[in-house]
């Protein structure tokens, strides 16, 4: 048919296309910006399933499954349906997350249902929310997709619990095979971090996440998603009408910094102030039973500075300064090295020399505290400058600090690197150190970005420090995925490269 008027013909064609669209089923095409997704496993076996409403001080609805250790009959069976080999990418990743903490040497044995051993995952000294991943060998992919995986816990210790799918449990924490998306790992990080997948235990771990969310919110041009994630996590740590918390150590009190920004009159703040008062020794030092730990710069001095500002209590700012000085006096040796712990009358006197996360507690805690003080004291600024210059010499060629900073045979460690570089970035902004430190911090940021997984988790974070593992375990650490490391990384991005924070 020929139309006399081309314009009419075009309009009639558009009408036909539109009409047909009502009858032709719509099949969405993969987006060029598709985010990573998770192929969740169907779970069977002899494990015990349980509904819970709290884990590690975070209150939300969750489900777990528990299997016994060294019991061949206690097994978790995982099966996948409809997952294509191609969708898993070149390095298929199997993951699961712990819903229990361990102080023992244990591991997971992965096998095919027919009995063939596939591999193991070391979960020794692990903590709740810790994400473990196993890179699936290419030769095993077909068998796993066809048969599934069986998981058993090995090693003398306790029963082990894992997250399973539930309404408030993100797929990223459940047993899954990762399906990479089209976004860069950097952009995936922000999407992952603001979900429940960024949650971790209340205390110093959770404080790192809270501080990371707060930093992103403060620096983003569209802060609402980060602010909502921050408030959601605070509400899970401090639900309405919940009883006041008890604290085994001053290491556990740093979440009150963001609580004081959010609700300055919350009763938990007075509770923590009273706890700190109870831990003062005869010299006025807030420490744990004659032991001074570097964590106190981050878990005591920093929240004290926040509370001082929010409640207009300058005497608490002086208290924060005093705590920084206590740790300088006890934890820096005659050669300038920073130690994690000092115990009065102990043998040895100090432990964990130049442990990178301990350096972060000392250095970043100092920087964040002084950043909030109206007039940081000259002696502490001088100590900050000395520390920055000292640590600069210990950074490796890639831009990382290792688990033990002067022991390059230990692995490059992500949480310590992010924390140290963030402290330097704060000093550059405040003018305590010069612009010559910017390339040092930027090199760290680039090295950390290369350690993001395809879905934005940060790898190579040294495990939580357990007394049962000690320095020996830390030296052997191969690193893992731990959310507090993501919190340090978020703070570094906010300080050093805020323009990279995406609109979500």
Protein backbone atom coordinates (compact mmCIF):
# COMPACT_ATOMS: atom_id res chain seq x y z
CA UNK A 1 0.00 0.00 0.00
CA UNK A 2 1.28 3.46 -0.89
CA UNK A 3 0.37 6.45 1.25
CA UNK A 4 -0.13 9.81 -0.33
CA UNK A 5 1.22 11.60 2.72
CA UNK A 6 4.51 10.27 4.19
CA UNK A 7 3.86 11.91 7.56
CA UNK A 8 0.56 10.07 7.88
CA UNK A 9 2.32 6.83 6.96
CA UNK A 10 4.89 7.31 9.71
CA UNK A 11 2.23 8.07 12.28
CA UNK A 12 0.19 5.04 11.26
CA UNK A 13 3.29 2.80 11.58
CA UNK A 14 3.97 4.10 15.07
CA UNK A 15 0.34 3.42 15.98
CA UNK A 16 0.61 -0.19 14.79
CA UNK A 17 3.86 -0.73 16.72
CA UNK A 18 2.31 0.71 19.87
CA UNK A 19 -0.81 -1.41 19.52
CA UNK A 20 1.17 -4.58 19.00
CA UNK A 21 3.22 -3.80 22.11
CA UNK A 22 0.13 -4.43 24.23
CA UNK A 23 -0.08 -8.01 22.96
CA UNK A 24 3.55 -9.07 22.62
CA UNK A 25 5.04 -10.28 25.95
CA UNK A 26 7.87 -8.03 27.12
CA UNK A 27 11.17 -9.73 27.76
CA UNK A 28 13.63 -7.39 29.52
CA UNK A 29 17.07 -7.28 28.00
CA UNK A 30 20.18 -7.32 30.17
CA UNK A 31 21.13 -3.78 31.08
CA UNK A 32 24.57 -2.46 30.21
CA UNK A 33 24.81 -1.39 33.87
CA UNK A 34 23.49 -4.60 35.36
CA UNK A 35 24.74 -5.12 38.92
CA UNK A 36 26.23 -8.35 40.18
CA UNK A 37 23.69 -10.94 41.31
CA UNK A 38 23.79 -14.08 43.38
CA UNK A 39 22.68 -17.59 42.43
CA UNK A 40 21.42 -18.81 45.80
CA UNK A 41 21.78 -22.47 46.63
CA UNK A 42 18.91 -24.72 47.60
CA UNK A 43 19.85 -26.03 51.05
CA UNK A 44 19.33 -29.53 52.37
CA UNK A 45 21.14 -31.86 54.74
CA UNK A 46 21.19 -32.52 58.46
CA UNK A 47 21.91 -28.98 59.69
CA UNK A 48 19.68 -27.25 62.22
CA UNK A 49 17.79 -24.22 60.89
CA UNK A 50 16.91 -21.40 63.27
CA UNK A 51 15.10 -18.06 63.15
CA UNK A 52 16.81 -15.29 65.08
CA UNK A 53 16.32 -11.57 65.66
CA UNK A 54 19.83 -10.55 66.74
CA UNK A 55 23.42 -11.36 65.89
CA UNK A 56 26.54 -9.73 67.29
CA UNK A 57 24.59 -6.83 68.75
CA UNK A 58 22.75 -6.05 65.51
CA UNK A 59 18.99 -6.54 65.76
CA UNK A 60 17.19 -7.73 62.62
CA UNK A 61 15.33 -10.79 61.42
CA UNK A 62 17.71 -13.49 60.20
CA UNK A 63 17.90 -17.19 59.60
CA UNK A 64 20.85 -19.52 60.16
CA UNK A 65 21.78 -23.14 59.68
CA UNK A 66 24.19 -24.92 62.05
CA UNK A 67 26.28 -28.03 61.45
CA UNK A 68 28.44 -29.92 63.92
CA UNK A 69 32.19 -30.30 63.66
CA UNK A 70 34.06 -33.54 62.97
CA UNK A 71 30.75 -35.34 62.44
CA UNK A 72 30.49 -37.05 59.02
CA UNK A 73 26.70 -37.19 59.38
CA UNK A 74 26.35 -33.44 59.97
CA UNK A 75 26.32 -32.00 56.48
CA UNK A 76 24.99 -29.05 54.52
CA UNK A 77 24.00 -29.91 50.94
CA UNK A 78 23.84 -27.16 48.32
CA UNK A 79 22.26 -27.48 44.89
CA UNK A 80 21.75 -25.02 42.05
CA UNK A 81 19.15 -25.12 39.33
CA UNK A 82 19.20 -23.17 36.09
CA UNK A 83 22.65 -21.62 36.51
CA UNK A 84 24.71 -21.48 33.32
CA UNK A 85 28.43 -21.97 33.35
CA UNK A 86 28.89 -18.88 31.19
CA UNK A 87 27.12 -16.58 33.65
CA UNK A 88 29.72 -17.31 36.37
CA UNK A 89 32.60 -15.69 34.48
CA UNK A 90 36.22 -16.75 34.23
CA UNK A 91 36.87 -17.24 37.95
CA UNK A 92 33.67 -18.65 39.45
CA UNK A 93 33.28 -17.75 43.12
CA UNK A 94 31.42 -19.79 45.71
CA UNK A 95 30.67 -17.92 48.93
CA UNK A 96 29.04 -18.23 52.31
CA UNK A 97 29.13 -16.18 55.51
CA UNK A 98 29.48 -17.16 59.13
CA UNK A 99 26.77 -16.43 61.68
CA UNK A 100 28.99 -17.50 64.59
CA UNK A 101 32.38 -16.53 65.96
CA UNK A 102 35.25 -18.97 66.41
CA UNK A 103 38.31 -19.07 68.63
CA UNK A 104 39.49 -22.41 67.31
CA UNK A 105 41.32 -23.83 64.30
CA UNK A 106 38.63 -25.22 62.02
CA UNK A 107 37.97 -25.52 58.32
CA UNK A 108 35.23 -26.41 55.87
CA UNK A 109 35.59 -29.46 53.67
CA UNK A 110 33.86 -29.12 50.30
CA UNK A 111 33.03 -32.26 48.37
CA UNK A 112 30.77 -33.62 45.66
CA UNK A 113 27.83 -35.75 46.81
CA UNK A 114 29.63 -38.78 45.38
CA UNK A 115 32.47 -38.19 47.85
CA UNK A 116 35.16 -36.50 45.75
CA UNK A 117 36.92 -33.76 47.78
CA UNK A 118 36.83 -30.40 45.99
CA UNK A 119 38.75 -28.21 48.42
CA UNK A 120 38.78 -26.57 51.85
CA UNK A 121 38.07 -23.16 53.35
CA UNK A 122 39.97 -22.12 56.47
CA UNK A 123 37.56 -20.53 58.98
CA UNK A 124 39.93 -20.51 61.98
CA UNK A 125 39.50 -17.57 64.37
CA UNK A 126 36.64 -16.25 62.22
CA UNK A 127 33.95 -13.80 63.29
CA UNK A 128 30.25 -13.42 62.57
CA UNK A 129 29.42 -11.79 59.21
CA UNK A 130 32.82 -12.76 57.78
CA UNK A 131 32.50 -13.65 54.11
CA UNK A 132 34.46 -16.63 52.81
CA UNK A 133 34.95 -17.30 49.16
CA UNK A 134 36.38 -20.23 47.26
CA UNK A 135 37.47 -19.86 43.65
CA UNK A 136 35.94 -22.83 41.87
CA UNK A 137 38.47 -24.78 39.76
CA UNK A 138 37.50 -24.76 36.09
CA UNK A 139 37.56 -28.54 35.98
CA UNK A 140 34.97 -28.75 38.81
CA UNK A 141 32.35 -26.30 37.53
CA UNK A 142 30.33 -28.78 35.47
CA UNK A 143 30.23 -31.34 38.28
CA UNK A 144 29.16 -28.72 40.85
CA UNK A 145 26.36 -27.37 38.66
CA UNK A 146 25.18 -30.92 38.00
CA UNK A 147 25.58 -32.46 41.47
CA UNK A 148 25.96 -29.61 43.97
CA UNK A 149 28.31 -29.34 46.96
CA UNK A 150 28.40 -30.96 50.38
CA UNK A 151 29.94 -29.02 53.28
CA UNK A 152 31.27 -30.48 56.51
CA UNK A 153 33.09 -28.75 59.37
CA UNK A 154 36.46 -30.20 60.37
CA UNK A 155 38.73 -29.55 63.34
CA UNK A 156 38.25 -29.64 67.09
CA UNK A 157 35.99 -26.82 68.11
CA UNK A 158 32.38 -25.72 68.18
CA UNK A 159 29.41 -26.12 65.86
CA UNK A 160 29.38 -23.53 63.07
CA UNK A 161 26.43 -21.45 61.84
CA UNK A 162 25.92 -19.82 58.46
CA UNK A 163 23.49 -17.23 57.12
CA UNK A 164 20.67 -18.55 54.95
CA UNK A 165 18.19 -16.65 52.80
CA UNK A 166 15.55 -14.59 54.58
CA UNK A 167 13.58 -11.40 54.22
CA UNK A 168 16.20 -9.17 55.84
CA UNK A 169 19.29 -11.24 55.00
CA UNK A 170 20.97 -10.03 51.80
CA UNK A 171 21.75 -12.67 49.16
CA UNK A 172 25.42 -11.62 49.34
CA UNK A 173 25.68 -13.25 52.79
CA UNK A 174 23.91 -16.49 51.85
CA UNK A 175 25.54 -19.54 50.23
CA UNK A 176 25.77 -18.58 46.56
CA UNK A 177 27.61 -18.59 43.29
CA UNK A 178 28.47 -15.08 42.16
CA UNK A 179 27.14 -13.88 38.81
CA UNK A 180 29.24 -10.81 37.90
CA UNK A 181 27.52 -7.78 36.43
CA UNK A 182 28.60 -5.03 34.10
CA UNK A 183 29.45 -2.40 36.71
CA UNK A 184 33.02 -1.78 37.80
CA UNK A 185 34.05 -3.20 41.19
CA UNK A 186 34.35 0.38 42.45
CA UNK A 187 30.70 1.14 41.66
CA UNK A 188 29.61 -2.23 42.99
CA UNK A 189 31.29 -1.38 46.29
CA UNK A 190 28.91 1.50 47.02
CA UNK A 191 25.83 -0.55 46.15
CA UNK A 192 26.97 -3.41 48.37
CA UNK A 193 28.15 -1.30 51.31
CA UNK A 194 24.81 0.41 51.92
CA UNK A 195 22.95 -2.91 52.17
CA UNK A 196 22.78 -5.33 55.07
CA UNK A 197 25.81 -7.01 53.45
CA UNK A 198 27.86 -4.21 54.99
CA UNK A 199 26.65 -5.01 58.51
CA UNK A 200 28.96 -6.46 61.13
CA UNK A 201 29.17 -6.94 64.89
CA UNK A 202 28.54 -4.10 67.32
CA UNK A 203 31.74 -2.58 68.74
CA UNK A 204 34.92 -1.57 66.95
CA UNK A 205 33.92 -3.56 63.86
CA UNK A 206 30.55 -1.85 63.54
CA UNK A 207 32.03 1.56 64.30
CA UNK A 208 34.27 1.31 61.23
CA UNK A 209 31.20 0.66 59.08
CA UNK A 210 29.21 3.47 60.72
CA UNK A 211 32.09 5.91 60.23
CA UNK A 212 32.42 4.84 56.60
CA UNK A 213 28.73 5.41 55.90
CA UNK A 214 28.87 8.76 57.68
CA UNK A 215 31.89 9.85 55.63
CA UNK A 216 30.19 8.91 52.34
CA UNK A 217 27.03 10.72 53.41
CA UNK A 218 29.00 13.86 54.29
CA UNK A 219 30.88 13.93 50.98
CA UNK A 220 28.23 12.76 48.50
CA UNK A 221 26.24 15.30 46.49
CA UNK A 222 23.25 13.00 46.97
CA UNK A 223 23.73 11.76 50.53
CA UNK A 224 20.30 10.25 51.17
CA UNK A 225 21.10 6.57 50.38
CA UNK A 226 24.20 6.69 52.57
CA UNK A 227 22.38 8.55 55.34
CA UNK A 228 19.50 6.05 55.29
CA UNK A 229 21.95 3.13 55.48
CA UNK A 230 23.72 4.81 58.40
CA UNK A 231 20.50 5.37 60.34
CA UNK A 232 19.30 1.85 59.58
CA UNK A 233 22.48 0.36 61.04
CA UNK A 234 22.30 2.65 64.08
CA UNK A 235 18.70 1.55 64.64
CA UNK A 236 19.76 -2.09 64.49
CA UNK A 237 22.48 -1.46 67.09
CA UNK A 238 20.26 0.73 69.29
CA UNK A 239 16.64 -0.43 68.83
CA UNK A 240 13.94 1.44 70.68
CA UNK A 241 13.47 0.50 74.34
CA UNK A 242 16.44 -1.85 74.25
CA UNK A 243 18.41 -2.25 77.50
CA UNK A 244 21.70 -0.44 77.92
CA UNK A 245 24.72 -2.39 76.76
CA UNK A 246 27.43 -3.94 78.89
CA UNK A 247 31.03 -3.66 77.75
CA UNK A 248 33.82 -6.17 78.34
CA UNK A 249 36.47 -3.76 77.11
CA UNK A 250 37.09 -0.17 76.05
CA UNK A 251 37.63 -1.63 72.57
CA UNK A 252 33.85 -2.05 72.23
CA UNK A 253 32.66 1.52 72.75
CA UNK A 254 33.34 3.33 69.48
CA UNK A 255 29.82 3.04 68.00
CA UNK A 256 28.70 5.82 70.33
CA UNK A 257 30.59 8.35 68.16
CA UNK A 258 28.00 8.13 65.38
CA UNK A 259 25.24 7.64 67.95
CA UNK A 260 26.20 11.02 69.45
CA UNK A 261 25.99 12.67 66.02
CA UNK A 262 22.59 11.02 65.44
CA UNK A 263 20.95 11.28 68.89
CA UNK A 264 23.13 13.29 71.29
CA UNK A 265 20.77 12.67 74.21
CA UNK A 266 20.54 8.91 73.79
CA UNK A 267 20.91 7.19 77.22
CA UNK A 268 23.64 4.89 75.85
CA UNK A 269 26.02 7.87 75.75
CA UNK A 270 25.77 8.41 79.51
CA UNK A 271 26.14 4.65 79.94
CA UNK A 272 29.41 4.62 78.00
CA UNK A 273 30.74 7.68 79.82
CA UNK A 274 30.10 5.87 83.11
CA UNK A 275 31.84 2.75 81.79
CA UNK A 276 34.91 4.74 80.77
CA UNK A 277 34.97 6.31 84.22
CA UNK A 278 34.94 2.84 85.77
CA UNK A 279 38.01 1.86 83.73
CA UNK A 280 40.20 4.74 84.89
CA UNK A 281 43.29 3.80 86.83
CA UNK A 282 44.98 5.90 89.50
CA UNK A 283 46.64 8.02 86.81
CA UNK A 284 43.36 8.86 85.10
CA UNK A 285 44.10 6.57 82.14
CA UNK A 286 41.11 4.85 80.54
CA UNK A 287 42.55 1.39 79.93
CA UNK A 288 41.66 -2.27 80.44
CA UNK A 289 43.09 -3.77 83.64
CA UNK A 290 46.65 -2.37 83.34
CA UNK A 291 46.68 -2.96 79.56
CA UNK A 292 46.87 -0.01 77.20
CA UNK A 293 45.78 -0.81 73.64
CA UNK A 294 46.09 1.26 70.47
CA UNK A 295 42.37 0.72 69.84
CA UNK A 296 41.70 3.33 72.51
CA UNK A 297 42.61 6.19 70.17
CA UNK A 298 39.72 5.09 67.94
CA UNK A 299 37.34 3.60 70.52
CA UNK A 300 37.76 6.09 73.37
CA UNK A 301 39.45 9.33 72.26
CA UNK A 302 37.48 9.70 69.02
CA UNK A 303 33.99 9.19 70.53
CA UNK A 304 34.97 11.38 73.49
CA UNK A 305 35.76 14.20 71.05
CA UNK A 306 32.41 13.69 69.31
CA UNK A 307 30.45 13.70 72.57
CA UNK A 308 32.36 16.79 73.73
CA UNK A 309 31.28 18.63 70.60
CA UNK A 310 27.69 17.41 70.54
CA UNK A 311 27.03 18.05 74.24
CA UNK A 312 29.24 21.15 74.50
CA UNK A 313 31.38 19.60 77.19
CA UNK A 314 34.94 20.88 76.74
CA UNK A 315 36.21 18.79 79.65
CA UNK A 316 35.55 15.69 77.55
CA UNK A 317 37.70 17.13 74.76
CA UNK A 318 40.50 17.45 77.30
CA UNK A 319 39.86 13.84 78.28
CA UNK A 320 40.20 12.82 74.64
CA UNK A 321 43.54 14.61 74.42
CA UNK A 322 44.71 12.86 77.58
CA UNK A 323 43.89 9.46 76.09
CA UNK A 324 45.93 10.19 72.96
CA UNK A 325 48.88 11.17 75.13
CA UNK A 326 48.56 8.02 77.25
CA UNK A 327 48.87 5.84 74.18
CA UNK A 328 51.76 7.83 72.77
CA UNK A 329 53.61 7.36 76.06
CA UNK A 330 52.97 3.61 76.30
CA UNK A 331 52.88 2.36 72.70
CA UNK A 332 55.71 4.17 70.91
CA UNK A 333 59.13 2.68 71.59
CA UNK A 334 62.51 4.41 71.66
CA UNK A 335 62.95 3.83 67.90
CA UNK A 336 59.56 5.26 67.02
CA UNK A 337 57.81 1.97 66.24
CA UNK A 338 54.14 1.68 67.21
CA UNK A 339 52.95 -1.36 69.16
CA UNK A 340 49.40 -2.58 69.61
CA UNK A 341 49.53 -3.28 73.34
CA UNK A 342 51.43 -2.33 76.46
CA UNK A 343 50.90 -4.16 79.74
CA UNK A 344 52.24 -2.64 82.92
CA UNK A 345 54.75 -5.08 84.40
CA UNK A 346 54.20 -7.51 81.55
CA UNK A 347 56.78 -9.81 79.97
CA UNK A 348 57.16 -8.76 77.25
CA UNK A 349 56.16 -5.19 77.99
CA UNK A 350 54.71 -4.61 74.52
CA UNK A 351 53.24 -6.91 71.85
CA UNK A 352 52.31 -6.74 68.16
CA UNK A 353 55.01 -4.42 66.88
CA UNK A 354 53.91 -2.49 63.78
CA UNK A 355 50.80 -4.61 63.25
CA UNK A 356 49.12 -2.57 60.52
CA UNK A 357 45.62 -2.54 61.94
CA UNK A 358 47.09 -1.57 65.31
CA UNK A 359 48.86 1.30 63.56
CA UNK A 360 45.48 2.32 62.12
CA UNK A 361 43.91 2.41 65.58
CA UNK A 362 46.72 4.63 66.78
CA UNK A 363 47.16 6.89 63.74
CA UNK A 364 43.62 7.20 62.37
CA UNK A 365 42.15 7.46 65.85
CA UNK A 366 44.54 10.33 66.54
CA UNK A 367 43.73 12.04 63.24
CA UNK A 368 39.94 11.76 63.64
CA UNK A 369 40.10 12.99 67.23
CA UNK A 370 42.28 16.01 66.47
CA UNK A 371 40.18 16.81 63.39
CA UNK A 372 37.25 17.45 65.76
CA UNK A 373 39.14 19.43 68.39
CA UNK A 374 38.93 23.26 68.28
CA UNK A 375 42.69 23.55 68.83
CA UNK A 376 44.72 20.34 68.50
CA UNK A 377 47.71 20.53 70.87
CA UNK A 378 51.13 21.17 69.24
CA UNK A 379 52.68 18.08 70.85
CA UNK A 380 50.05 15.81 69.29
CA UNK A 381 50.38 17.48 65.90
CA UNK A 382 54.10 16.85 66.15
CA UNK A 383 53.44 13.18 66.99
CA UNK A 384 51.05 12.94 64.06
CA UNK A 385 53.73 14.35 61.73
CA UNK A 386 56.38 12.01 63.11
CA UNK A 387 54.08 9.03 62.62
CA UNK A 388 53.26 10.01 59.03
CA UNK A 389 56.91 10.36 58.10
CA UNK A 390 57.80 7.09 59.82
CA UNK A 391 55.02 5.10 58.14
CA UNK A 392 55.79 6.53 54.73
CA UNK A 393 59.05 4.59 54.76
CA UNK A 394 57.21 1.30 55.41
CA UNK A 395 54.79 1.47 52.46
CA UNK A 396 55.59 -1.09 49.77
CA UNK A 397 56.04 -0.29 46.07
CA UNK A 398 52.41 -1.07 45.26
CA UNK A 399 51.10 1.27 47.94
CA UNK A 400 50.21 -1.24 50.66
CA UNK A 401 51.24 -1.78 54.25
CA UNK A 402 51.68 -5.44 55.20
CA UNK A 403 50.07 -7.29 58.12
CA UNK A 404 53.24 -6.48 60.08
CA UNK A 405 54.49 -3.35 58.37
CA UNK A 406 58.22 -4.09 58.55
CA UNK A 407 57.80 -7.78 57.72
CA UNK A 408 57.25 -7.88 53.97
CA UNK A 409 56.93 -11.66 54.06
CA UNK A 410 53.47 -11.12 55.62
CA UNK A 411 50.72 -10.29 53.12
CA UNK A 412 49.71 -6.77 52.08
CA UNK A 413 46.81 -5.94 54.38
CA UNK A 414 43.76 -3.92 53.27
CA UNK A 415 42.27 -2.61 56.51
CA UNK A 416 45.56 -1.27 57.83
CA UNK A 417 46.43 0.25 54.47
CA UNK A 418 43.06 1.99 54.19
CA UNK A 419 43.24 3.28 57.75
CA UNK A 420 46.79 4.60 57.48
CA UNK A 421 46.10 6.29 54.15
CA UNK A 422 42.90 7.86 55.53
CA UNK A 423 44.84 9.30 58.46
CA UNK A 424 47.29 10.82 55.98
CA UNK A 425 44.45 12.24 53.89
CA UNK A 426 42.99 13.95 56.97
CA UNK A 427 46.40 15.48 57.74
CA UNK A 428 46.76 16.75 54.17
CA UNK A 429 43.33 18.41 54.37
CA UNK A 430 44.14 19.98 57.74
CA UNK A 431 47.62 21.11 56.70
CA UNK A 432 49.44 19.03 59.33
CA UNK A 433 51.47 17.39 56.56
CA UNK A 434 52.27 18.61 53.06
CA UNK A 435 51.02 17.73 49.58
CA UNK A 436 53.97 15.40 49.13
CA UNK A 437 51.92 12.85 51.06
CA UNK A 438 49.03 12.92 48.58
CA UNK A 439 50.75 10.55 46.11
CA UNK A 440 51.43 8.20 49.01
CA UNK A 441 47.74 8.03 49.91
CA UNK A 442 46.60 7.89 46.27
CA UNK A 443 48.89 4.94 45.64
CA UNK A 444 47.17 3.14 48.53
CA UNK A 445 43.74 3.93 47.14
CA UNK A 446 44.69 2.48 43.74
CA UNK A 447 46.11 -0.66 45.34
CA UNK A 448 42.95 -1.16 47.39
CA UNK A 449 40.70 -0.67 44.37
CA UNK A 450 42.53 -3.56 42.71
CA UNK A 451 41.50 -5.73 45.68
CA UNK A 452 37.77 -5.22 45.23
CA UNK A 453 35.86 -8.30 44.12
CA UNK A 454 33.57 -8.09 41.06
CA UNK A 455 30.65 -7.31 43.39
CA UNK A 456 32.55 -4.75 45.46
CA UNK A 457 33.73 -6.57 48.58
CA UNK A 458 37.23 -5.72 49.82
CA UNK A 459 39.66 -8.65 50.04
CA UNK A 460 42.93 -9.16 51.95
CA UNK A 461 41.67 -7.96 55.33
CA UNK A 462 43.53 -9.64 58.18
CA UNK A 463 41.28 -11.74 60.42
CA UNK A 464 40.07 -10.47 63.78
CA UNK A 465 42.80 -10.68 66.36
CA UNK A 466 42.11 -13.55 68.78
CA UNK A 467 44.21 -14.33 71.84
CA UNK A 468 43.99 -18.00 70.87
CA UNK A 469 45.70 -17.26 67.55
CA UNK A 470 48.06 -14.50 68.60
CA UNK A 471 50.80 -12.99 66.49
CA UNK A 472 51.62 -16.34 64.91
CA UNK A 473 48.17 -16.63 63.39
CA UNK A 474 48.27 -13.04 62.15
CA UNK A 475 51.61 -13.62 60.46
CA UNK A 476 50.13 -16.58 58.58
CA UNK A 477 46.99 -14.67 57.61
CA UNK A 478 45.97 -14.87 53.97
CA UNK A 479 43.28 -12.26 54.44
CA UNK A 480 39.53 -12.43 54.05
CA UNK A 481 36.44 -10.30 53.40
CA UNK A 482 35.46 -8.40 56.52
CA UNK A 483 33.05 -5.48 56.52
CA UNK A 484 35.07 -3.27 58.86
CA UNK A 485 37.75 -3.17 56.16
CA UNK A 486 35.13 -1.78 53.80
CA UNK A 487 34.39 0.87 56.42
CA UNK A 488 38.01 2.03 56.40
CA UNK A 489 38.03 1.98 52.59
CA UNK A 490 34.85 4.13 52.49
CA UNK A 491 36.50 6.69 54.77
CA UNK A 492 39.53 6.81 52.48
CA UNK A 493 37.43 7.37 49.36
CA UNK A 494 35.44 10.11 51.09
CA UNK A 495 38.61 11.91 52.17
CA UNK A 496 40.71 11.44 49.06
CA UNK A 497 38.40 11.01 46.08
CA UNK A 498 34.87 12.22 46.96
CA UNK A 499 34.02 12.87 43.29
CA UNK A 500 34.05 9.10 42.73
CA UNK A 501 31.14 8.60 45.15
CA UNK A 502 28.26 7.72 42.81
CA UNK A 503 24.64 8.83 42.88
CA UNK A 504 22.62 5.83 44.02
